[in-house]
Each structure stands twice: as structure tokens, then as C-alpha cells.
C-alpha atoms as a PDB file:
ATOM      1  CA  UNK A   1      -5.110  -4.151 -17.413  1.00  0.00           C
ATOM      2  CA  UNK A   2      -6.192  -0.627 -18.306  1.00  0.00           C
ATOM      3  CA  UNK A   3      -6.763   0.196 -14.631  1.00  0.00           C
ATOM      4  CA  UNK A   4      -3.377  -1.225 -13.681  1.00  0.00           C
ATOM      5  CA  UNK A   5      -1.629   0.741 -16.410  1.00  0.00           C
ATOM      6  CA  UNK A   6      -2.874   3.960 -14.799  1.00  0.00           C
ATOM      7  CA  UNK A   7      -1.060   3.196 -11.541  1.00  0.00           C
ATOM      8  CA  UNK A   8       2.431   4.604 -11.055  1.00  0.00           C
ATOM      9  CA  UNK A   9       4.602   1.609 -10.148  1.00  0.00           C
ATOM     10  CA  UNK A  10       7.958   3.337 -10.577  1.00  0.00           C
ATOM     11  CA  UNK A  11      10.474   2.476  -7.871  1.00  0.00           C
ATOM     12  CA  UNK A  12      13.266   4.969  -7.067  1.00  0.00           C
ATOM     13  CA  UNK A  13      16.785   3.902  -6.182  1.00  0.00           C
ATOM     14  CA  UNK A  14      17.374   2.916  -2.557  1.00  0.00           C
ATOM     15  CA  UNK A  15      19.524   6.007  -2.163  1.00  0.00           C
ATOM     16  CA  UNK A  16      16.738   8.198  -3.549  1.00  0.00           C
ATOM     17  CA  UNK A  17      13.920   7.432  -1.155  1.00  0.00           C
ATOM     18  CA  UNK A  18      12.694   3.937  -2.040  1.00  0.00           C
ATOM     19  CA  UNK A  19      10.097   2.776   0.486  1.00  0.00           C
ATOM     20  CA  UNK A  20       8.333  -0.461   1.355  1.00  0.00           C
ATOM     21  CA  UNK A  21       5.200   0.973  -0.252  1.00  0.00           C
ATOM     22  CA  UNK A  22       7.003   1.538  -3.583  1.00  0.00           C
ATOM     23  CA  UNK A  23       8.064  -2.115  -3.652  1.00  0.00           C
ATOM     24  CA  UNK A  24       4.660  -3.429  -2.596  1.00  0.00           C
ATOM     25  CA  UNK A  25       2.844  -1.397  -5.264  1.00  0.00           C
ATOM     26  CA  UNK A  26       5.210  -2.622  -8.012  1.00  0.00           C
ATOM     27  CA  UNK A  27       4.928  -6.247  -6.929  1.00  0.00           C
ATOM     28  CA  UNK A  28       1.167  -6.448  -6.460  1.00  0.00           C
ATOM     29  CA  UNK A  29       0.407  -4.713  -9.777  1.00  0.00           C
ATOM     30  CA  UNK A  30       2.756  -7.032 -11.665  1.00  0.00           C
ATOM     31  CA  UNK A  31       1.275 -10.022  -9.822  1.00  0.00           C
ATOM     32  CA  UNK A  32      -2.288  -8.994 -10.682  1.00  0.00           C
ATOM     33  CA  UNK A  33      -1.384  -8.531 -14.341  1.00  0.00           C
ATOM     34  CA  UNK A  34       0.208 -12.000 -14.487  1.00  0.00           C
ATOM     35  CA  UNK A  35      -1.725 -14.312 -12.151  1.00  0.00           C
ATOM     36  CA  UNK A  36      -4.288 -16.247 -14.220  1.00  0.00           C
ATOM     37  CA  UNK A  37      -6.649 -17.165 -11.377  1.00  0.00           C
ATOM     38  CA  UNK A  38      -8.589 -13.901 -11.090  1.00  0.00           C
ATOM     39  CA  UNK A  39     -12.347 -13.613 -11.507  1.00  0.00           C
ATOM     40  CA  UNK A  40     -14.341 -10.397 -11.705  1.00  0.00           C
ATOM     41  CA  UNK A  41     -15.278  -8.326  -9.882  1.00  0.00           C
ATOM     42  CA  UNK A  42     -11.844  -7.662  -8.357  1.00  0.00           C
ATOM     43  CA  UNK A  43     -11.258  -5.581  -5.229  1.00  0.00           C
ATOM     44  CA  UNK A  44      -7.802  -4.951  -3.767  1.00  0.00           C
ATOM     45  CA  UNK A  45      -7.071  -3.165  -0.493  1.00  0.00           C
ATOM     46  CA  UNK A  46      -3.721  -2.314   1.066  1.00  0.00           C
ATOM     47  CA  UNK A  47      -3.558  -3.154   4.767  1.00  0.00           C
ATOM     48  CA  UNK A  48      -1.280  -4.742   7.375  1.00  0.00           C
ATOM     49  CA  UNK A  49      -0.850  -8.385   8.437  1.00  0.00           C
ATOM     50  CA  UNK A  50      -1.336  -9.279   5.646  1.00  0.00           C
ATOM     51  CA  UNK A  51      -0.228  -6.497   3.311  1.00  0.00           C
ATOM     52  CA  UNK A  52      -3.164  -6.924   0.920  1.00  0.00           C
ATOM     53  CA  UNK A  53      -6.746  -8.080   0.942  1.00  0.00           C
ATOM     54  CA  UNK A  54      -7.972  -9.344  -2.434  1.00  0.00           C
ATOM     55  CA  UNK A  55     -11.517 -10.251  -3.335  1.00  0.00           C
ATOM     56  CA  UNK A  56     -11.790 -11.936  -6.709  1.00  0.00           C
ATOM     57  CA  UNK A  57     -15.231 -13.184  -7.647  1.00  0.00           C
ATOM     58  CA  UNK A  58     -16.488 -14.710  -4.388  1.00  0.00           C
ATOM     59  CA  UNK A  59     -13.000 -15.686  -3.180  1.00  0.00           C
ATOM     60  CA  UNK A  60     -11.221 -13.815  -0.372  1.00  0.00           C
ATOM     61  CA  UNK A  61      -7.408 -13.866  -0.379  1.00  0.00           C
ATOM     62  CA  UNK A  62      -4.841 -12.411   1.968  1.00  0.00           C
ATOM     63  CA  UNK A  63      -1.453 -11.610   0.403  1.00  0.00           C
ATOM     64  CA  UNK A  64       1.688 -11.005   2.441  1.00  0.00           C
ATOM     65  CA  UNK A  65       4.541  -9.363   0.538  1.00  0.00           C
ATOM     66  CA  UNK A  66       8.267  -9.366   1.176  1.00  0.00           C
ATOM     67  CA  UNK A  67      11.526  -8.798  -0.676  1.00  0.00           C
ATOM     68  CA  UNK A  68      14.275 -11.411  -0.819  1.00  0.00           C
ATOM     69  CA  UNK A  69      17.526  -9.482  -0.409  1.00  0.00           C
ATOM     70  CA  UNK A  70      20.349  -9.653   2.147  1.00  0.00           C
ATOM     71  CA  UNK A  71      20.174  -6.525   4.312  1.00  0.00           C
ATOM     72  CA  UNK A  72      23.934  -5.965   4.066  1.00  0.00           C
ATOM     73  CA  UNK A  73      23.796  -6.105   0.263  1.00  0.00           C
ATOM     74  CA  UNK A  74      20.992  -3.527   0.204  1.00  0.00           C
ATOM     75  CA  UNK A  75      23.128  -1.308   2.456  1.00  0.00           C
ATOM     76  CA  UNK A  76      26.114  -1.710   0.124  1.00  0.00           C
ATOM     77  CA  UNK A  77      24.100  -0.732  -2.957  1.00  0.00           C
ATOM     78  CA  UNK A  78      22.958   2.475  -1.241  1.00  0.00           C
ATOM     79  CA  UNK A  79      26.576   3.372  -0.480  1.00  0.00           C
ATOM     80  CA  UNK A  80      27.623   2.618  -4.059  1.00  0.00           C
ATOM     81  CA  UNK A  81      24.741   4.655  -5.534  1.00  0.00           C
ATOM     82  CA  UNK A  82      25.565   7.658  -3.381  1.00  0.00           C
ATOM     83  CA  UNK A  83      29.229   7.578  -4.390  1.00  0.00           C
ATOM     84  CA  UNK A  84      28.201   7.922  -8.044  1.00  0.00           C
ATOM     85  CA  UNK A  85      31.611   6.739  -9.233  1.00  0.00           C
ATOM     86  CA  UNK A  86      33.085   3.551 -10.706  1.00  0.00           C
ATOM     87  CA  UNK A  87      32.530   1.463  -7.586  1.00  0.00           C
ATOM     88  CA  UNK A  88      30.986  -1.965  -8.124  1.00  0.00           C
ATOM     89  CA  UNK A  89      29.320  -4.126  -5.479  1.00  0.00           C
ATOM     90  CA  UNK A  90      30.520  -7.738  -5.686  1.00  0.00           C
ATOM     91  CA  UNK A  91      27.412  -9.919  -5.224  1.00  0.00           C
ATOM     92  CA  UNK A  92      29.418 -12.985  -4.214  1.00  0.00           C
ATOM     93  CA  UNK A  93      30.559 -11.219  -1.030  1.00  0.00           C
ATOM     94  CA  UNK A  94      26.987 -11.107   0.292  1.00  0.00           C
ATOM     95  CA  UNK A  95      25.809 -14.659   0.818  1.00  0.00           C
ATOM     96  CA  UNK A  96      22.433 -15.377   2.370  1.00  0.00           C
ATOM     97  CA  UNK A  97      22.588 -15.386   6.173  1.00  0.00           C
ATOM     98  CA  UNK A  98      26.035 -13.790   6.273  1.00  0.00           C
ATOM     99  CA  UNK A  99      26.478 -10.662   8.415  1.00  0.00           C
ATOM    100  CA  UNK A 100      29.175  -8.004   8.019  1.00  0.00           C
ATOM    101  CA  UNK A 101      30.272  -5.048  10.102  1.00  0.00           C
ATOM    102  CA  UNK A 102      29.316  -1.570   8.854  1.00  0.00           C
ATOM    103  CA  UNK A 103      32.935  -0.660   8.053  1.00  0.00           C
ATOM    104  CA  UNK A 104      33.316  -3.868   6.028  1.00  0.00           C
ATOM    105  CA  UNK A 105      30.195  -3.070   4.006  1.00  0.00           C
ATOM    106  CA  UNK A 106      31.451   0.443   3.272  1.00  0.00           C
ATOM    107  CA  UNK A 107      34.872  -0.826   2.196  1.00  0.00           C
ATOM    108  CA  UNK A 108      33.379  -3.451  -0.125  1.00  0.00           C
ATOM    109  CA  UNK A 109      30.950  -0.902  -1.622  1.00  0.00           C
ATOM    110  CA  UNK A 110      33.892   1.404  -2.375  1.00  0.00           C
ATOM    111  CA  UNK A 111      35.846  -1.106  -4.454  1.00  0.00           C
ATOM    112  CA  UNK A 112      36.125  -0.667  -8.201  1.00  0.00           C
ATOM    113  CA  UNK A 113      36.874  -4.321  -8.998  1.00  0.00           C
ATOM    114  CA  UNK A 114      35.234  -7.647  -8.305  1.00  0.00           C
ATOM    115  CA  UNK A 115      37.226  -9.336  -5.554  1.00  0.00           C
ATOM    116  CA  UNK A 116      34.903 -12.031  -4.216  1.00  0.00           C
ATOM    117  CA  UNK A 117      35.046 -15.815  -4.659  1.00  0.00           C
ATOM    118  CA  UNK A 118      32.356 -15.844  -7.330  1.00  0.00           C
ATOM    119  CA  UNK A 119      30.122 -18.871  -7.794  1.00  0.00           C
ATOM    120  CA  UNK A 120      30.765 -22.421  -8.931  1.00  0.00           C
ATOM    121  CA  UNK A 121      28.630 -25.362  -9.990  1.00  0.00           C
ATOM    122  CA  UNK A 122      25.080 -25.285  -8.702  1.00  0.00           C
ATOM    123  CA  UNK A 123      25.876 -23.145  -5.657  1.00  0.00           C
ATOM    124  CA  UNK A 124      23.632 -20.297  -6.932  1.00  0.00           C
ATOM    125  CA  UNK A 125      20.661 -22.667  -7.107  1.00  0.00           C
ATOM    126  CA  UNK A 126      21.292 -23.918  -3.560  1.00  0.00           C
ATOM    127  CA  UNK A 127      21.653 -20.332  -2.345  1.00  0.00           C
ATOM    128  CA  UNK A 128      18.333 -19.385  -3.966  1.00  0.00           C
ATOM    129  CA  UNK A 129      16.496 -22.355  -2.461  1.00  0.00           C
ATOM    130  CA  UNK A 130      17.953 -21.721   0.993  1.00  0.00           C
ATOM    131  CA  UNK A 131      16.930 -18.052   0.946  1.00  0.00           C
ATOM    132  CA  UNK A 132      13.389 -18.552  -0.365  1.00  0.00           C
ATOM    133  CA  UNK A 133      12.708 -21.440   2.014  1.00  0.00           C
ATOM    134  CA  UNK A 134      13.950 -19.502   5.050  1.00  0.00           C
ATOM    135  CA  UNK A 135      11.860 -16.473   4.096  1.00  0.00           C
ATOM    136  CA  UNK A 136       8.775 -18.675   3.737  1.00  0.00           C
ATOM    137  CA  UNK A 137       9.397 -20.241   7.145  1.00  0.00           C
ATOM    138  CA  UNK A 138       9.862 -16.861   8.841  1.00  0.00           C
ATOM    139  CA  UNK A 139       6.753 -15.396   7.240  1.00  0.00           C
ATOM    140  CA  UNK A 140       4.770 -18.488   8.246  1.00  0.00           C
ATOM    141  CA  UNK A 141       5.674 -17.785  11.882  1.00  0.00           C
ATOM    142  CA  UNK A 142       4.092 -14.347  11.368  1.00  0.00           C
ATOM    143  CA  UNK A 143       1.037 -15.917   9.687  1.00  0.00           C
ATOM    144  CA  UNK A 144       0.439 -18.108  12.742  1.00  0.00           C
ATOM    145  CA  UNK A 145       0.296 -15.191  15.182  1.00  0.00           C
ATOM    146  CA  UNK A 146      -3.092 -14.145  16.554  1.00  0.00           C
ATOM    147  CA  UNK A 147      -2.905 -10.591  15.165  1.00  0.00           C
ATOM    148  CA  UNK A 148      -2.367 -11.810  11.586  1.00  0.00           C
ATOM    149  CA  UNK A 149      -5.736 -11.915   9.797  1.00  0.00           C
ATOM    150  CA  UNK A 150      -6.355 -15.262   8.117  1.00  0.00           C
ATOM    151  CA  UNK A 151      -8.561 -15.499   5.042  1.00  0.00           C
ATOM    152  CA  UNK A 152      -9.948 -18.622   3.337  1.00  0.00           C
ATOM    153  CA  UNK A 153      -6.886 -18.399   1.043  1.00  0.00           C
ATOM    154  CA  UNK A 154      -3.531 -16.938   2.108  1.00  0.00           C
ATOM    155  CA  UNK A 155      -0.625 -16.244  -0.243  1.00  0.00           C
ATOM    156  CA  UNK A 156       2.977 -15.216   0.237  1.00  0.00           C
ATOM    157  CA  UNK A 157       4.454 -13.026  -2.508  1.00  0.00           C
ATOM    158  CA  UNK A 158       8.269 -12.848  -2.508  1.00  0.00           C
ATOM    159  CA  UNK A 159      10.058 -10.410  -4.793  1.00  0.00           C
ATOM    160  CA  UNK A 160      13.344 -12.075  -5.741  1.00  0.00           C
ATOM    161  CA  UNK A 161      16.109  -9.481  -5.479  1.00  0.00           C
ATOM    162  CA  UNK A 162      18.818 -11.893  -4.374  1.00  0.00           C
ATOM    163  CA  UNK A 163      22.374 -10.980  -5.454  1.00  0.00           C
ATOM    164  CA  UNK A 164      22.909 -14.061  -7.587  1.00  0.00           C
ATOM    165  CA  UNK A 165      24.281 -14.682 -11.075  1.00  0.00           C
ATOM    166  CA  UNK A 166      22.197 -16.408 -13.734  1.00  0.00           C
ATOM    167  CA  UNK A 167      20.616 -19.497 -12.212  1.00  0.00           C
ATOM    168  CA  UNK A 168      18.750 -22.441 -13.673  1.00  0.00           C
ATOM    169  CA  UNK A 169      15.308 -21.579 -12.309  1.00  0.00           C
ATOM    170  CA  UNK A 170      13.756 -24.832 -13.490  1.00  0.00           C
ATOM    171  CA  UNK A 171      16.316 -26.794 -11.504  1.00  0.00           C
ATOM    172  CA  UNK A 172      16.079 -24.458  -8.496  1.00  0.00           C
ATOM    173  CA  UNK A 173      12.272 -24.613  -8.516  1.00  0.00           C
ATOM    174  CA  UNK A 174      12.289 -28.411  -8.465  1.00  0.00           C
ATOM    175  CA  UNK A 175      14.731 -28.316  -5.556  1.00  0.00           C
ATOM    176  CA  UNK A 176      12.536 -25.861  -3.657  1.00  0.00           C
ATOM    177  CA  UNK A 177       9.399 -27.842  -4.393  1.00  0.00           C
ATOM    178  CA  UNK A 178      11.067 -30.905  -2.857  1.00  0.00           C
ATOM    179  CA  UNK A 179      12.131 -28.937   0.226  1.00  0.00           C
ATOM    180  CA  UNK A 180       8.560 -27.644   0.612  1.00  0.00           C
ATOM    181  CA  UNK A 181       7.048 -31.147   0.780  1.00  0.00           C
ATOM    182  CA  UNK A 182       7.132 -31.166   4.581  1.00  0.00           C
ATOM    183  CA  UNK A 183       5.994 -27.528   4.785  1.00  0.00           C
ATOM    184  CA  UNK A 184       2.495 -28.074   3.401  1.00  0.00           C
ATOM    185  CA  UNK A 185       1.590 -30.522   6.189  1.00  0.00           C
ATOM    186  CA  UNK A 186       3.101 -28.568   9.081  1.00  0.00           C
ATOM    187  CA  UNK A 187      -0.058 -26.853  10.348  1.00  0.00           C
ATOM    188  CA  UNK A 188      -1.201 -23.341   9.407  1.00  0.00           C
ATOM    189  CA  UNK A 189       0.720 -22.406   6.266  1.00  0.00           C
ATOM    190  CA  UNK A 190       0.318 -20.237   3.190  1.00  0.00           C
ATOM    191  CA  UNK A 191      -1.832 -21.868   0.506  1.00  0.00           C
ATOM    192  CA  UNK A 192       0.526 -20.613  -2.161  1.00  0.00           C
ATOM    193  CA  UNK A 193       4.022 -19.178  -2.310  1.00  0.00           C
ATOM    194  CA  UNK A 194       4.870 -16.937  -5.261  1.00  0.00           C
ATOM    195  CA  UNK A 195       8.431 -16.016  -6.198  1.00  0.00           C
ATOM    196  CA  UNK A 196       8.466 -12.983  -8.470  1.00  0.00           C
ATOM    197  CA  UNK A 197      11.192 -11.508 -10.653  1.00  0.00           C
ATOM    198  CA  UNK A 198      11.167  -8.924 -13.426  1.00  0.00           C
ATOM    199  CA  UNK A 199      10.616 -11.674 -15.988  1.00  0.00           C
ATOM    200  CA  UNK A 200       8.888 -14.570 -14.216  1.00  0.00           C
ATOM    201  CA  UNK A 201       6.311 -15.478 -11.582  1.00  0.00           C
ATOM    202  CA  UNK A 202       6.782 -18.929 -10.047  1.00  0.00           C
ATOM    203  CA  UNK A 203       3.850 -20.358  -8.098  1.00  0.00           C
ATOM    204  CA  UNK A 204       4.295 -23.120  -5.508  1.00  0.00           C
ATOM    205  CA  UNK A 205       1.397 -24.985  -3.923  1.00  0.00           C
ATOM    206  CA  UNK A 206       0.947 -28.302  -2.183  1.00  0.00           C
ATOM    207  CA  UNK A 207       0.401 -30.271  -5.369  1.00  0.00           C
ATOM    208  CA  UNK A 208       2.331 -28.414  -8.057  1.00  0.00           C
ATOM    209  CA  UNK A 209       4.412 -25.504  -9.207  1.00  0.00           C
ATOM    210  CA  UNK A 210       3.841 -23.341 -12.261  1.00  0.00           C
ATOM    211  CA  UNK A 211       5.858 -20.670 -14.029  1.00  0.00           C
ATOM    212  CA  UNK A 212       4.334 -17.650 -15.773  1.00  0.00           C
ATOM    213  CA  UNK A 213       5.959 -14.925 -17.849  1.00  0.00           C
ATOM    214  CA  UNK A 214       5.485 -11.624 -16.062  1.00  0.00           C
ATOM    215  CA  UNK A 215       3.148  -9.202 -17.810  1.00  0.00           C
ATOM    216  CA  UNK A 216       3.744  -5.487 -17.552  1.00  0.00           C
ATOM    217  CA  UNK A 217       0.402  -3.702 -17.456  1.00  0.00           C
END
């Protein structure tokens, strides 16, 4: 924890030079400080395909990292940040899988009032499950390619930055766990899928799912 606390994990705004490396550093440090399955000595190396190599005790783990966020929503937040005015980006106008034209994104990012349809019932939970499951499937396609290095254990770490209101994560996690039942027996897959937020780390594996409170080293 002392070593982790010496690492700068600050992440600038998207409009101020945020990079993939900023996000990866933040996520992996928070994951290491929270995940209970580490044994010493610990060695971590940044690389590509997967993004990290972790040796913990005598176990070798590959960790692929990604961020869950609609590209159009990320674009809209950059526009809003640069305007530095009273504009507000309506999250409900950026549903997962939806694509908008550049002029539409700019117009939405320039609005000063919420104008979208909002959310009703358990639609946020379904949206969350749909996004996380699709990301896992797409990253698994990458995992199965010949140039992706496979280790004895392979994890997928997803930073949850989806534009959603408060959701019932217990309910959503049970829904996702059910959807993942067929995934675990579909050939080469990740041994564990982690969904990470500022407050929580949710771990999904073939036989269970667990939730941990995120620690900030």
C-alpha cells in the first residue's frame, strides 16, 4: 500500500489531455489495493495484449483493461468541458450502442437543460448489463487472437464510466451473472471479469461473484 501511495494516479479531464495510460494507471493501482487474492512477492509490468502482466507469489496473471463509456458521450463531455459555461450533458441521450452525428453531439453538449427521456423502472440495470456483457464479448474476441499473450490466469478489468443514474448494483450483478452462464463454457475466455467503479470492485467468475469496497492507496 505504501508503494502504491507513491504512484501518481491523478487523471486529467478529457479536454485537458487525458490518455489511455492515465486511466490504466488509476485502474490497476485501485485494483491492486482492493483485490484480496494477492500473494508476495508482487511484480507488475505494463505491456500490450494484455495491458498488464502480474506475478503474485508463483501465479502469473494477464490483465486486459478497458473503459465502459459510449464514445459519443465521451465526445460530448469534452465539448462541454471546453465551453466552460452552464452547459450540461444529458446522460439519457447517450444510450449504449447508439450513434449520433458530430453536429448532434455538439448541439446536445451545448444545451443548458436536461431534455432527454430520462430513465424508468429497471432500464438502467438492463443498460448496464447489456454494456458490460458486450464489452466482455468483444474483449474475448481479442483474447482469442494469436497475438494476444495468454497466461495461466487471464482477467478483464472494466472501469465503469457508463452515463447512468443510480442503479441497484446487486440486482444488476445478479442479472449479469445469469447472462454470463453460457460465456464460461464457450471456449477460451477470461478467468475473471472485474467491473470497477470509484466505490466498488465487482468480481465475476464461473462459480460466483463478489463485491469489494474500493480501497484508495
